[in-house]
Amino acid sequence: MKIKVLYFASLRDAVGRGEETVELPDESTTLAGVRDALVEKGDPWAFAFRNLKRVRGAVNQDMAEDDAAVKDGDEVAFFPPVTGG
């Protein structure tokens, strides 16, 4: 499964990029599964997601919970709970 992942604010700083295209195992079919697959890649993703209570997500520009479905070609975004301008 190939998806586009966007990172915002402190997550963007920690990962070192604002976006990337990621090839993930097909079993990563939820927002939590995508996040877990990114963490398994090691640093800098493991560092960026170290405090999961401070990470929110969206799928295709809609706020999403961990169990939200993610499909091939989707856009997933991760950001801290409060972002400034």
PDB file of N, CA and C in Angstrom:
ATOM      1  N   MET A   1       0.854  -1.164   0.000  1.00  0.00           N
ATOM      2  CA  MET A   1       0.000   0.000   0.000  1.00  0.00           C
ATOM      3  C   MET A   1       0.907   1.236   0.000  1.00  0.00           C
ATOM      4  N   LYS A   2       0.611   2.168  -0.880  1.00  0.00           N
ATOM      5  CA  LYS A   2       1.381   3.408  -0.971  1.00  0.00           C
ATOM      6  C   LYS A   2       0.473   4.573  -0.584  1.00  0.00           C
ATOM      7  N   ILE A   3       0.960   5.401   0.375  1.00  0.00           N
ATOM      8  CA  ILE A   3       0.202   6.553   0.836  1.00  0.00           C
ATOM      9  C   ILE A   3       1.117   7.765   0.908  1.00  0.00           C
ATOM     10  N   LYS A   4       0.503   8.930   0.958  1.00  0.00           N
ATOM     11  CA  LYS A   4       1.243  10.174   1.172  1.00  0.00           C
ATOM     12  C   LYS A   4       1.067  10.537   2.638  1.00  0.00           C
ATOM     13  N   VAL A   5       2.188  10.821   3.319  1.00  0.00           N
ATOM     14  CA  VAL A   5       2.151  11.195   4.731  1.00  0.00           C
ATOM     15  C   VAL A   5       2.645  12.630   4.862  1.00  0.00           C
ATOM     16  N   LEU A   6       1.867  13.448   5.568  1.00  0.00           N
ATOM     17  CA  LEU A   6       2.218  14.832   5.843  1.00  0.00           C
ATOM     18  C   LEU A   6       2.523  14.976   7.328  1.00  0.00           C
ATOM     19  N   TYR A   7       3.548  15.765   7.631  1.00  0.00           N
ATOM     20  CA  TYR A   7       3.938  16.031   9.017  1.00  0.00           C
ATOM     21  C   TYR A   7       3.858  17.537   9.251  1.00  0.00           C
ATOM     22  N   PHE A   8       3.330  17.937  10.408  1.00  0.00           N
ATOM     23  CA  PHE A   8       3.178  19.347  10.711  1.00  0.00           C
ATOM     24  C   PHE A   8       3.866  19.703  12.025  1.00  0.00           C
ATOM     25  N   ALA A   9       4.277  20.962  12.123  1.00  0.00           N
ATOM     26  CA  ALA A   9       4.837  21.575  13.337  1.00  0.00           C
ATOM     27  C   ALA A   9       6.009  20.765  13.886  1.00  0.00           C
ATOM     28  N   SER A  10       5.973  20.407  15.160  1.00  0.00           N
ATOM     29  CA  SER A  10       7.105  19.723  15.788  1.00  0.00           C
ATOM     30  C   SER A  10       7.373  18.354  15.177  1.00  0.00           C
ATOM     31  N   LEU A  11       6.352  17.702  14.641  1.00  0.00           N
ATOM     32  CA  LEU A  11       6.569  16.407  13.975  1.00  0.00           C
ATOM     33  C   LEU A  11       7.372  16.600  12.696  1.00  0.00           C
ATOM     34  N   ARG A  12       7.074  17.654  11.960  1.00  0.00           N
ATOM     35  CA  ARG A  12       7.836  17.968  10.744  1.00  0.00           C
ATOM     36  C   ARG A  12       9.294  18.214  11.111  1.00  0.00           C
ATOM     37  N   ASP A  13       9.521  18.950  12.176  1.00  0.00           N
ATOM     38  CA  ASP A  13      10.889  19.221  12.618  1.00  0.00           C
ATOM     39  C   ASP A  13      11.604  17.935  13.022  1.00  0.00           C
ATOM     40  N   ALA A  14      10.923  17.061  13.749  1.00  0.00           N
ATOM     41  CA  ALA A  14      11.542  15.830  14.230  1.00  0.00           C
ATOM     42  C   ALA A  14      11.870  14.868  13.091  1.00  0.00           C
ATOM     43  N   VAL A  15      10.972  14.769  12.111  1.00  0.00           N
ATOM     44  CA  VAL A  15      11.174  13.844  10.993  1.00  0.00           C
ATOM     45  C   VAL A  15      12.119  14.440   9.954  1.00  0.00           C
ATOM     46  N   GLY A  16      12.163  15.765   9.889  1.00  0.00           N
ATOM     47  CA  GLY A  16      13.069  16.419   8.954  1.00  0.00           C
ATOM     48  C   GLY A  16      12.497  16.638   7.575  1.00  0.00           C
ATOM     49  N   ARG A  17      11.183  16.514   7.457  1.00  0.00           N
ATOM     50  CA  ARG A  17      10.522  16.760   6.171  1.00  0.00           C
ATOM     51  C   ARG A  17       9.043  17.013   6.416  1.00  0.00           C
ATOM     52  N   GLY A  18       8.410  17.678   5.490  1.00  0.00           N
ATOM     53  CA  GLY A  18       6.993  17.990   5.610  1.00  0.00           C
ATOM     54  C   GLY A  18       6.087  16.927   5.031  1.00  0.00           C
ATOM     55  N   GLU A  19       6.621  16.152   4.097  1.00  0.00           N
ATOM     56  CA  GLU A  19       5.802  15.095   3.498  1.00  0.00           C
ATOM     57  C   GLU A  19       6.699  14.035   2.883  1.00  0.00           C
ATOM     58  N   GLU A  20       6.100  12.871   2.695  1.00  0.00           N
ATOM     59  CA  GLU A  20       6.798  11.787   2.014  1.00  0.00           C
ATOM     60  C   GLU A  20       5.771  10.775   1.515  1.00  0.00           C
ATOM     61  N   THR A  21       6.141  10.049   0.504  1.00  0.00           N
ATOM     62  CA  THR A  21       5.344   8.927   0.034  1.00  0.00           C
ATOM     63  C   THR A  21       5.925   7.685   0.667  1.00  0.00           C
ATOM     64  N   VAL A  22       5.054   6.876   1.269  1.00  0.00           N
ATOM     65  CA  VAL A  22       5.502   5.721   2.038  1.00  0.00           C
ATOM     66  C   VAL A  22       4.839   4.463   1.505  1.00  0.00           C
ATOM     67  N   GLU A  23       5.624   3.437   1.335  1.00  0.00           N
ATOM     68  CA  GLU A  23       5.120   2.113   0.973  1.00  0.00           C
ATOM     69  C   GLU A  23       5.004   1.324   2.274  1.00  0.00           C
ATOM     70  N   LEU A  24       3.791   0.880   2.601  1.00  0.00           N
ATOM     71  CA  LEU A  24       3.544   0.186   3.861  1.00  0.00           C
ATOM     72  C   LEU A  24       2.950  -1.196   3.613  1.00  0.00           C
ATOM     73  N   PRO A  25       3.126  -2.092   4.592  1.00  0.00           N
ATOM     74  CA  PRO A  25       2.494  -3.413   4.470  1.00  0.00           C
ATOM     75  C   PRO A  25       0.978  -3.268   4.389  1.00  0.00           C
ATOM     76  N   ASP A  26       0.332  -4.170   3.692  1.00  0.00           N
ATOM     77  CA  ASP A  26      -1.117  -4.092   3.530  1.00  0.00           C
ATOM     78  C   ASP A  26      -1.864  -4.191   4.854  1.00  0.00           C
ATOM     79  N   GLU A  27      -1.236  -4.783   5.890  1.00  0.00           N
ATOM     80  CA  GLU A  27      -1.928  -4.882   7.173  1.00  0.00           C
ATOM     81  C   GLU A  27      -1.976  -3.559   7.922  1.00  0.00           C
ATOM     82  N   SER A  28      -1.306  -2.535   7.437  1.00  0.00           N
ATOM     83  CA  SER A  28      -1.350  -1.200   8.049  1.00  0.00           C
ATOM     84  C   SER A  28      -2.572  -0.454   7.530  1.00  0.00           C
ATOM     85  N   THR A  29      -3.762  -0.968   7.818  1.00  0.00           N
ATOM     86  CA  THR A  29      -4.972  -0.434   7.202  1.00  0.00           C
ATOM     87  C   THR A  29      -5.746   0.529   8.094  1.00  0.00           C
ATOM     88  N   THR A  30      -5.141   0.949   9.200  1.00  0.00           N
ATOM     89  CA  THR A  30      -5.757   1.955  10.063  1.00  0.00           C
ATOM     90  C   THR A  30      -4.739   3.062  10.310  1.00  0.00           C
ATOM     91  N   LEU A  31      -5.230   4.167  10.838  1.00  0.00           N
ATOM     92  CA  LEU A  31      -4.335   5.274  11.177  1.00  0.00           C
ATOM     93  C   LEU A  31      -3.286   4.805  12.189  1.00  0.00           C
ATOM     94  N   ALA A  32      -3.697   4.045  13.187  1.00  0.00           N
ATOM     95  CA  ALA A  32      -2.746   3.514  14.176  1.00  0.00           C
ATOM     96  C   ALA A  32      -1.741   2.580  13.511  1.00  0.00           C
ATOM     97  N   GLY A  33      -2.188   1.786  12.546  1.00  0.00           N
ATOM     98  CA  GLY A  33      -1.287   0.884  11.836  1.00  0.00           C
ATOM     99  C   GLY A  33      -0.242   1.634  11.034  1.00  0.00           C
ATOM    100  N   VAL A  34      -0.630   2.733  10.431  1.00  0.00           N
ATOM    101  CA  VAL A  34       0.319   3.570   9.691  1.00  0.00           C
ATOM    102  C   VAL A  34       1.349   4.149  10.654  1.00  0.00           C
ATOM    103  N   ARG A  35       0.874   4.698  11.759  1.00  0.00           N
ATOM    104  CA  ARG A  35       1.785   5.268  12.745  1.00  0.00           C
ATOM    105  C   ARG A  35       2.746   4.202  13.279  1.00  0.00           C
ATOM    106  N   ASP A  36       2.237   3.020  13.580  1.00  0.00           N
ATOM    107  CA  ASP A  36       3.086   1.943  14.087  1.00  0.00           C
ATOM    108  C   ASP A  36       4.135   1.530  13.063  1.00  0.00           C
ATOM    109  N   ALA A  37       3.746   1.458  11.796  1.00  0.00           N
ATOM    110  CA  ALA A  37       4.697   1.097  10.737  1.00  0.00           C
ATOM    111  C   ALA A  37       5.791   2.154  10.601  1.00  0.00           C
ATOM    112  N   LEU A  38       5.431   3.417  10.771  1.00  0.00           N
ATOM    113  CA  LEU A  38       6.435   4.482  10.715  1.00  0.00           C
ATOM    114  C   LEU A  38       7.399   4.370  11.894  1.00  0.00           C
ATOM    115  N   VAL A  39       6.884   4.120  13.083  1.00  0.00           N
ATOM    116  CA  VAL A  39       7.728   3.978  14.275  1.00  0.00           C
ATOM    117  C   VAL A  39       8.700   2.812  14.103  1.00  0.00           C
ATOM    118  N   GLU A  40       8.233   1.721  13.500  1.00  0.00           N
ATOM    119  CA  GLU A  40       9.078   0.548  13.288  1.00  0.00           C
ATOM    120  C   GLU A  40      10.258   0.841  12.361  1.00  0.00           C
ATOM    121  N   LYS A  41      10.173   1.911  11.579  1.00  0.00           N
ATOM    122  CA  LYS A  41      11.289   2.286  10.707  1.00  0.00           C
ATOM    123  C   LYS A  41      12.471   2.822  11.513  1.00  0.00           C
ATOM    124  N   GLY A  42      12.252   3.102  12.806  1.00  0.00           N
ATOM    125  CA  GLY A  42      13.317   3.637  13.657  1.00  0.00           C
ATOM    126  C   GLY A  42      13.330   5.152  13.628  1.00  0.00           C
ATOM    127  N   ASP A  43      14.452   5.716  14.072  1.00  0.00           N
ATOM    128  CA  ASP A  43      14.563   7.175  14.078  1.00  0.00           C
ATOM    129  C   ASP A  43      14.708   7.693  12.663  1.00  0.00           C
ATOM    130  N   PRO A  44      14.137   8.835  12.363  1.00  0.00           N
ATOM    131  CA  PRO A  44      13.587   9.845  13.257  1.00  0.00           C
ATOM    132  C   PRO A  44      12.109   9.655  13.595  1.00  0.00           C
ATOM    133  N   TRP A  45      11.431   8.681  12.951  1.00  0.00           N
ATOM    134  CA  TRP A  45      10.001   8.490  13.177  1.00  0.00           C
ATOM    135  C   TRP A  45       9.706   8.042  14.597  1.00  0.00           C
ATOM    136  N   ALA A  46      10.496   7.122  15.127  1.00  0.00           N
ATOM    137  CA  ALA A  46      10.281   6.649  16.502  1.00  0.00           C
ATOM    138  C   ALA A  46      10.377   7.814  17.484  1.00  0.00           C
ATOM    139  N   PHE A  47      11.325   8.705  17.264  1.00  0.00           N
ATOM    140  CA  PHE A  47      11.468   9.887  18.120  1.00  0.00           C
ATOM    141  C   PHE A  47      10.262  10.809  17.968  1.00  0.00           C
ATOM    142  N   ALA A  48       9.819  11.033  16.751  1.00  0.00           N
ATOM    143  CA  ALA A  48       8.710  11.955  16.487  1.00  0.00           C
ATOM    144  C   ALA A  48       7.413  11.490  17.150  1.00  0.00           C
ATOM    145  N   PHE A  49       7.198  10.178  17.193  1.00  0.00           N
ATOM    146  CA  PHE A  49       5.947   9.633  17.725  1.00  0.00           C
ATOM    147  C   PHE A  49       6.103   9.088  19.144  1.00  0.00           C
ATOM    148  N   ARG A  50       7.136   9.511  19.855  1.00  0.00           N
ATOM    149  CA  ARG A  50       7.417   8.948  21.182  1.00  0.00           C
ATOM    150  C   ARG A  50       6.315   9.240  22.198  1.00  0.00           C
ATOM    151  N   ASN A  51       5.592  10.323  22.060  1.00  0.00           N
ATOM    152  CA  ASN A  51       4.523  10.669  22.988  1.00  0.00           C
ATOM    153  C   ASN A  51       3.204  10.682  22.225  1.00  0.00           C
ATOM    154  N   LEU A  52       2.567   9.533  22.134  1.00  0.00           N
ATOM    155  CA  LEU A  52       1.377   9.399  21.298  1.00  0.00           C
ATOM    156  C   LEU A  52       0.204  10.252  21.761  1.00  0.00           C
ATOM    157  N   LYS A  53       0.167  10.631  23.017  1.00  0.00           N
ATOM    158  CA  LYS A  53      -0.921  11.490  23.493  1.00  0.00           C
ATOM    159  C   LYS A  53      -0.822  12.878  22.880  1.00  0.00           C
ATOM    160  N   ARG A  54       0.330  13.200  22.315  1.00  0.00           N
ATOM    161  CA  ARG A  54       0.535  14.525  21.740  1.00  0.00           C
ATOM    162  C   ARG A  54       0.522  14.488  20.206  1.00  0.00           C
ATOM    163  N   VAL A  55      -0.048  13.431  19.626  1.00  0.00           N
ATOM    164  CA  VAL A  55      -0.104  13.311  18.169  1.00  0.00           C
ATOM    165  C   VAL A  55      -1.548  13.095  17.744  1.00  0.00           C
ATOM    166  N   ARG A  56      -1.990  13.886  16.804  1.00  0.00           N
ATOM    167  CA  ARG A  56      -3.322  13.730  16.216  1.00  0.00           C
ATOM    168  C   ARG A  56      -3.141  13.333  14.753  1.00  0.00           C
ATOM    169  N   GLY A  57      -4.205  12.811  14.156  1.00  0.00           N
ATOM    170  CA  GLY A  57      -4.099  12.390  12.775  1.00  0.00           C
ATOM    171  C   GLY A  57      -5.325  12.740  11.964  1.00  0.00           C
ATOM    172  N   ALA A  58      -5.134  12.730  10.663  1.00  0.00           N
ATOM    173  CA  ALA A  58      -6.219  12.960   9.714  1.00  0.00           C
ATOM    174  C   ALA A  58      -6.011  12.035   8.519  1.00  0.00           C
ATOM    175  N   VAL A  59      -7.120  11.623   7.934  1.00  0.00           N
ATOM    176  CA  VAL A  59      -7.083  10.818   6.714  1.00  0.00           C
ATOM    177  C   VAL A  59      -7.861  11.580   5.657  1.00  0.00           C
ATOM    178  N   ASN A  60      -7.193  11.882   4.573  1.00  0.00           N
ATOM    179  CA  ASN A  60      -7.809  12.638   3.482  1.00  0.00           C
ATOM    180  C   ASN A  60      -8.453  13.938   3.976  1.00  0.00           C
ATOM    181  N   GLN A  61      -7.720  14.638   4.834  1.00  0.00           N
ATOM    182  CA  GLN A  61      -8.074  15.955   5.364  1.00  0.00           C
ATOM    183  C   GLN A  61      -9.265  15.946   6.312  1.00  0.00           C
ATOM    184  N   ASP A  62      -9.613  14.777   6.846  1.00  0.00           N
ATOM    185  CA  ASP A  62     -10.646  14.671   7.872  1.00  0.00           C
ATOM    186  C   ASP A  62     -10.004  14.161   9.152  1.00  0.00           C
ATOM    187  N   MET A  63     -10.241  14.855  10.262  1.00  0.00           N
ATOM    188  CA  MET A  63      -9.731  14.387  11.548  1.00  0.00           C
ATOM    189  C   MET A  63     -10.154  12.938  11.741  1.00  0.00           C
ATOM    190  N   ALA A  64      -9.233  12.132  12.299  1.00  0.00           N
ATOM    191  CA  ALA A  64      -9.513  10.701  12.395  1.00  0.00           C
ATOM    192  C   ALA A  64      -9.016  10.133  13.715  1.00  0.00           C
ATOM    193  N   GLU A  65      -9.685   9.099  14.161  1.00  0.00           N
ATOM    194  CA  GLU A  65      -9.266   8.337  15.341  1.00  0.00           C
ATOM    195  C   GLU A  65      -8.337   7.218  14.885  1.00  0.00           C
ATOM    196  N   ASP A  66      -7.700   6.557  15.842  1.00  0.00           N
ATOM    197  CA  ASP A  66      -6.738   5.505  15.525  1.00  0.00           C
ATOM    198  C   ASP A  66      -7.307   4.376  14.674  1.00  0.00           C
ATOM    199  N   ASP A  67      -8.597   4.105  14.802  1.00  0.00           N
ATOM    200  CA  ASP A  67      -9.185   2.985  14.060  1.00  0.00           C
ATOM    201  C   ASP A  67      -9.712   3.383  12.672  1.00  0.00           C
ATOM    202  N   ALA A  68      -9.452   4.613  12.243  1.00  0.00           N
ATOM    203  CA  ALA A  68      -9.902   5.076  10.924  1.00  0.00           C
ATOM    204  C   ALA A  68      -9.220   4.267   9.824  1.00  0.00           C
ATOM    205  N   ALA A  69      -9.981   3.901   8.822  1.00  0.00           N
ATOM    206  CA  ALA A  69      -9.457   3.110   7.706  1.00  0.00           C
ATOM    207  C   ALA A  69      -8.521   3.945   6.837  1.00  0.00           C
ATOM    208  N   VAL A  70      -7.450   3.313   6.379  1.00  0.00           N
ATOM    209  CA  VAL A  70      -6.509   3.930   5.451  1.00  0.00           C
ATOM    210  C   VAL A  70      -6.358   2.978   4.268  1.00  0.00           C
ATOM    211  N   LYS A  71      -6.512   3.541   3.063  1.00  0.00           N
ATOM    212  CA  LYS A  71      -6.435   2.734   1.840  1.00  0.00           C
ATOM    213  C   LYS A  71      -5.293   3.207   0.946  1.00  0.00           C
ATOM    214  N   ASP A  72      -4.926   2.377   0.025  1.00  0.00           N
ATOM    215  CA  ASP A  72      -3.898   2.721  -0.951  1.00  0.00           C
ATOM    216  C   ASP A  72      -4.257   4.050  -1.616  1.00  0.00           C
ATOM    217  N   GLY A  73      -3.294   4.947  -1.685  1.00  0.00           N
ATOM    218  CA  GLY A  73      -3.497   6.246  -2.323  1.00  0.00           C
ATOM    219  C   GLY A  73      -4.006   7.336  -1.399  1.00  0.00           C
ATOM    220  N   ASP A  74      -4.323   6.998  -0.149  1.00  0.00           N
ATOM    221  CA  ASP A  74      -4.829   8.003   0.792  1.00  0.00           C
ATOM    222  C   ASP A  74      -3.724   8.975   1.211  1.00  0.00           C
ATOM    223  N   GLU A  75      -4.160  10.105   1.759  1.00  0.00           N
ATOM    224  CA  GLU A  75      -3.261  11.082   2.354  1.00  0.00           C
ATOM    225  C   GLU A  75      -3.494  11.054   3.864  1.00  0.00           C
ATOM    226  N   VAL A  76      -2.414  10.830   4.602  1.00  0.00           N
ATOM    227  CA  VAL A  76      -2.474  10.778   6.059  1.00  0.00           C
ATOM    228  C   VAL A  76      -1.636  11.923   6.603  1.00  0.00           C
ATOM    229  N   ALA A  77      -2.166  12.646   7.564  1.00  0.00           N
ATOM    230  CA  ALA A  77      -1.432  13.763   8.172  1.00  0.00           C
ATOM    231  C   ALA A  77      -1.329  13.541   9.675  1.00  0.00           C
ATOM    232  N   PHE A  78      -0.152  13.896  10.221  1.00  0.00           N
ATOM    233  CA  PHE A  78       0.083  13.818  11.657  1.00  0.00           C
ATOM    234  C   PHE A  78       0.514  15.193  12.153  1.00  0.00           C
ATOM    235  N   PHE A  79       0.011  15.584  13.327  1.00  0.00           N
ATOM    236  CA  PHE A  79       0.327  16.898  13.872  1.00  0.00           C
ATOM    237  C   PHE A  79       0.081  16.898  15.373  1.00  0.00           C
ATOM    238  N   PRO A  80       0.722  17.841  16.084  1.00  0.00           N
ATOM    239  CA  PRO A  80       0.440  17.974  17.501  1.00  0.00           C
ATOM    240  C   PRO A  80      -1.004  18.465  17.695  1.00  0.00           C
ATOM    241  N   PRO A  81      -1.572  18.291  18.901  1.00  0.00           N
ATOM    242  CA  PRO A  81      -2.966  18.663  19.104  1.00  0.00           C
ATOM    243  C   PRO A  81      -3.238  20.145  18.901  1.00  0.00           C
ATOM    244  N   VAL A  82      -2.241  20.996  19.097  1.00  0.00           N
ATOM    245  CA  VAL A  82      -2.427  22.432  18.884  1.00  0.00           C
ATOM    246  C   VAL A  82      -1.292  22.903  17.988  1.00  0.00           C
ATOM    247  N   THR A  83      -1.649  23.477  16.853  1.00  0.00           N
ATOM    248  CA  THR A  83      -0.631  24.030  15.956  1.00  0.00           C
ATOM    249  C   THR A  83      -0.909  25.499  15.776  1.00  0.00           C
ATOM    250  N   GLY A  84       0.130  26.252  15.659  1.00  0.00           N
ATOM    251  CA  GLY A  84      -0.015  27.700  15.482  1.00  0.00           C
ATOM    252  C   GLY A  84       0.251  28.106  14.055  1.00  0.00           C
ATOM    253  N   GLY A  85       0.013  29.361  13.756  1.00  0.00           N
ATOM    254  CA  GLY A  85       0.189  29.888  12.416  1.00  0.00           C
ATOM    255  C   GLY A  85       1.530  30.300  12.167  1.00  0.00           C
TER     256      GLY A  85
END
